[in-house]
Amino acid sequence: MIIPKPARFKNEALLERIRQMPCIVCGAPGPSDPSHIKSRGAGGGDTEHNCVPMCRDCHCEWGRKGWYTFLGQHIAFADWLLDHGWDIDVFNRKLSHP
């Protein structure tokens, strides 16, 4: 039996606002990609705490390297996530938001 994937809520207004912002990682001016900290495939939604602006280069690097390596190389962004309520468990390689 195949279980259908649940419909995902898409917040176009939020995504458009994020596209106009500078990259949160390197500061490059917009337009930016709305990057999901917890991916859509993992159940992350289009919410204020889960979407951040990233330039295309940083967004591709985030996806290519994975969050664990990416945050190790971009400590200021890791600090930003911690300041915004994200839990970074480096021992178990878990990134979560309560």
Protein backbone atom coordinates (compact mmCIF):
# COMPACT_ATOMS: atom_id res chain seq x y z
CA MET A 1 0.00 0.00 0.00
CA ILE A 2 1.38 3.41 -0.97
CA ILE A 3 0.70 6.24 1.42
CA PRO A 4 0.40 9.62 -0.34
CA LYS A 5 2.63 12.44 0.78
CA PRO A 6 0.74 15.08 2.77
CA ALA A 7 0.15 18.40 1.05
CA ARG A 8 2.70 21.01 2.07
CA PHE A 9 1.64 24.49 3.04
CA LYS A 10 3.47 27.03 0.90
CA ASN A 11 3.71 30.58 2.20
CA GLU A 12 4.37 32.60 -0.99
CA ALA A 13 4.32 35.95 0.84
CA LEU A 14 7.06 34.80 3.23
CA LEU A 15 9.14 33.28 0.44
CA GLU A 16 8.92 36.46 -1.63
CA ARG A 17 9.95 38.60 1.35
CA ILE A 18 12.96 36.34 1.97
CA ARG A 19 14.00 36.56 -1.71
CA GLN A 20 14.47 40.32 -1.28
CA MET A 21 16.83 39.99 1.71
CA PRO A 22 20.64 39.72 1.69
CA CYS A 23 22.30 36.35 2.30
CA ILE A 24 22.32 35.53 6.00
CA VAL A 25 25.66 33.71 5.65
CA CYS A 26 27.91 35.93 3.50
CA GLY A 27 25.87 39.15 3.26
CA ALA A 28 25.58 39.14 -0.55
CA PRO A 29 22.70 41.39 -1.67
CA GLY A 30 19.42 39.83 -2.81
CA PRO A 31 17.77 38.30 -4.56
CA SER A 32 18.33 35.29 -2.32
CA ASP A 33 17.05 31.74 -2.27
CA PRO A 34 14.64 30.96 0.58
CA SER A 35 16.63 28.18 2.24
CA HIS A 36 14.86 25.76 4.56
CA ILE A 37 16.91 24.87 7.63
CA LYS A 38 14.86 21.70 8.04
CA SER A 39 14.29 20.62 4.45
CA ARG A 40 10.86 20.34 2.91
CA GLY A 41 11.49 16.63 2.38
CA ALA A 42 12.17 16.21 6.10
CA GLY A 43 8.91 17.99 6.95
CA GLY A 44 10.22 21.54 7.27
CA GLY A 45 7.66 24.13 6.32
CA ASP A 46 7.60 27.66 5.00
CA THR A 47 7.75 29.36 8.40
CA GLU A 48 9.62 32.32 9.86
CA HIS A 49 11.85 30.09 12.00
CA ASN A 50 12.61 27.58 9.23
CA CYS A 51 13.36 29.78 6.17
CA VAL A 52 16.38 32.03 5.81
CA PRO A 53 17.77 33.99 2.85
CA MET A 54 20.89 32.51 1.24
CA CYS A 55 22.64 33.53 -1.95
CA ARG A 56 22.75 30.79 -4.56
CA ASP A 57 26.39 29.92 -3.75
CA CYS A 58 25.75 29.51 0.00
CA HIS A 59 22.49 27.64 -0.61
CA CYS A 60 24.23 25.17 -2.95
CA GLU A 61 27.10 24.77 -0.47
CA TRP A 62 24.56 24.09 2.35
CA GLY A 63 22.98 21.34 0.25
CA ARG A 64 26.24 19.90 -1.05
CA LYS A 65 28.11 19.76 2.26
CA GLY A 66 25.19 19.18 4.61
CA TRP A 67 24.36 21.27 7.65
CA TYR A 68 26.97 19.67 9.93
CA THR A 69 29.98 20.55 7.77
CA PHE A 70 28.47 23.85 6.61
CA LEU A 71 27.92 25.13 10.17
CA GLY A 72 31.44 24.07 11.14
CA GLN A 73 32.74 26.35 8.39
CA HIS A 74 30.29 29.21 9.01
CA ILE A 75 30.36 29.69 12.78
CA ALA A 76 28.53 33.05 12.71
CA PHE A 77 25.54 31.37 11.04
CA ALA A 78 25.65 28.54 13.61
CA ASP A 79 25.57 31.22 16.34
CA TRP A 80 22.61 32.88 14.61
CA LEU A 81 20.71 29.57 14.60
CA LEU A 82 21.40 29.09 18.31
CA ASP A 83 20.25 32.65 19.03
CA HIS A 84 16.99 31.87 17.19
CA GLY A 85 16.10 28.75 19.15
CA TRP A 86 17.68 25.99 17.08
CA ASP A 87 19.39 23.13 18.91
CA ILE A 88 22.65 21.93 17.38
CA ASP A 89 23.69 18.53 18.73
CA VAL A 90 27.16 17.96 17.25
CA PHE A 91 27.65 14.60 18.99
CA ASN A 92 24.52 13.03 17.50
CA ARG A 93 24.52 15.26 14.38
CA LYS A 94 21.01 16.55 15.00
CA LEU A 95 19.65 19.99 14.16
CA SER A 96 16.22 20.74 15.58
CA HIS A 97 13.86 23.49 16.60
CA PRO A 98 11.48 22.92 19.50
